[in-house]
Amino acid sequence: MSVDGEELTFVKDPAGRICAERVGPFIDWLWETGANPSAYQVICFDATSGQVRFKPIKAVLRHDHDGPLFEIKTTYGRSVRVTGEHSVFVADADGKPVLKRGDEVRPGDLLVAPGRLPLSQPAPAQLDLLQAFLALDEALDTDLVVRGIGVEAWYKATVRAEYADAPQMVEPRVTIPPDVGNLLKAQRQALGLSQADICEAVGIRQPVTYYAWEKGSGRPALDHFLRYVDLLGINRQTVLSQVTVGNSRLDHIWNTQYRAAPANRVRNYVTLSQLRDADLTLLGDNICLTPRHYADQGVPRYLPIDESLMLLLGFFVAEGSLSQRNGVRLSIGKRNEALVPELTEAIKRVFGLEPTWYAAADGRAHELRILNRVVTAVFRLLFGFDGVHAESKHIPDLVFNVDQSMQIAFLRGYFLGDGTLSTRAMSFTTTSELLANQLMYLLAAHGVTASLSQREPTGQPSGLIRGKPVITRRTAFHVTVSGRGAMTTLALIWQDHQRAPDVRSWLATDAGHGGPHAATPLRGDLLGLAVRSVHQTPASKRKVYDFSVEGDENFIAGVGGIALHNTDADVDGSHIRTLLLTMFFRYMESLIEKGHLYIAQPPLYLVKKGKDQRYAYSDAEKDRLVKEMGSDSGNLVVQRYKGLGEMNPEQLWSTTEPGEPPYCKLTIEGARRLIAPSTC
């Protein structure tokens, strides 16, 4: 099944993180960067059990497509755009997923879709801001400062490394009391050692050095002192128990002269741009990040990943905006003023900062602001640098990598900002198509099948605000949840809404029989959704895309999630070849007898590493090439071909050039063996 590149799916990266991805850009990125597709997993399902799961990607496919696509729309507003010549999954009379060509799907068919998705997992305890910001490198276009004793330790380690060949600066120093000094002097005189022998053995230049040690006016480096003791034949442990081993010369300077001034080599602050990944361990945990000129507005290196953070992220998606100048702003209207104390406490818990309340005049919405560039950078990090405008807002990937209780906290924050509640349903409203799509997937992670609808802008005023007409200029998307089971599952989200008592009263009444269900339960995690319409639509670009998944050969993608089939190249190609050979064998046998008919088999795989490109004509040959070219290499790409249409003309000619293998002449006996007996 080849799909439009803009369809949404979910993959797991090599670190096991779940990420929402557009199919086309993700596969393009794999191809352009040379990343290994097998290091990633895509969401798919087991056709036998119906279990929805993640499995490794065997290969990624993309090819040119100039014709239209078929957009299949189902109940609950789910949809997908596919090519017509391949198969999708529909449910048969027994509820079993079976294949049907995309251009043969008709209204009334039950399209197979996931009813529950594995889009949650145990959350990491905290987010390392320092590591995350360093990974952004130049993309982080704000100047932050790292402060704390960990920074001092990093500076000191850097200076010590510069003096690695100068032990007199970095080694501990020994303070020698008078009785030990007298012992050293007496033993030296008794042995009658020459000054030259002593200096050479100990590693010093002048006799005055060890004279000073014996008098207690000099503090030898520990290594020099031990050499002197060994030379004199005195027991080390006996002497060490009587002396004091203290700071090195560098440590002595830092302890007596250090003031953390800008002129010092060692300070308790450093700009983030000066650091590298290798510095993370030395810096340790006892540091914070601050704006350049506000040292007292520090944010801890580690942010807790908890329900407070999820609440803030959810409310920000609904009512938030940000800028470098004005920070993170949460718009507070009359209906959510009661949430301000909870939001304030969440900000203090997560960031350790007190937000600022800005009361508006003339009926405008109030604002709760966090005027801190570190916090602004955190939100830009989580949402992407272009995801803070209403039409481009989306759910950050972090939300799909936490447990379900935290996801509920996120949904609650979003609902209390942009949600509505009626007696029997709740809905979320947004002008972001991506956000609406992600909400449907997120709700499916809780076993809730949400419905998507949209309202196109009319260009006409729909009301007045402060005496001015309100004109909707963008498409509005509504994600709606209804039904007793779903509303009960999501009760923690709507329980604080002013209309919550009405919903509780309805849930407390006896349930009626209800009308027909729009979704038909199938095996495992799967549902059957009735097809409402099928129509042709242009592709978003000239290429369409596919995943090949080991064993399952399917994946989940589209609006809300649709089960898609990956056509097996071997099966289709073999079938087409048999039909063509049957025609030649029955009606043009003389062409075969005279040796005019050839079979050319294009490759199944392209294995690419840098500029080295090799073709494989079987799975075994592909596995051999992967091993030979380095399966552990991150820039090894395996591209799976489903047929001739997958290849560019130049590739097709170079792999099936007449007279070159695998180009073979067909004989009558060969044709008999290849044609199935039932077709002869």
Foldseek 3Di string as FASTA:
>chain_A
DWFFQQWWWWKAALVRFIDIDRNNVVLVCCQVQLFAQQSMWTWAADQVFRDIDTFGFPAKFKFFFFFWWKWFAFFLGFITTHHQAFWFWFQDPQQGTDTDGNVPDDFQTWFKWFLAHLLEDAADFWDQLLVLVQVCQVVPPAKKKKFFVLQLLLLVVVVCVVCVVPLLFAAWWKQADQVVLVVLVVLCVVVVDDQVVLCVQLVHDGSVQSVCNSVRNHIDGPSSVVSSCVVSVHDPVVRVVRMDTGGHNNVVCCVPPNDQDPVDSGHRMDISNVDHPVSVVSSDQGMFMFHPPCPPQTFGSIFGDDLLVLLVLLLCLQAWAADLQFAIKGWAAPQCPVCVVSNQVSCCRGGVDGWDWADDPLRGTTITHDNTNSNRSVVCSQFPVPQRDQQRHAHGSSLSYHHPVSVLSNLLSNCSRAKDDDQFKIKGKGLHLRRQLVVLNSLSNLSFHKHKDKDAWPQDFPDDDSRHTDGDHGIMMMIMGGDLVSCVSSVVNCVPGPCNVSNVVVNPDDDDPDDDDQWDDHRDRMITTGTDDMDIDHRPDRMIIATQGPPRQWHWITRSTGIGHHDALVVVVLVVVQVVLLVCVVPPVVCQAVQNDKDFQFAQKWKDAPPDIDGHRDPVRVVVVCVVVDVPDRSIHIHGDSDPSSDDPVSVCVRGPPPDPPMGTHHSVNSVVSHDPVSD
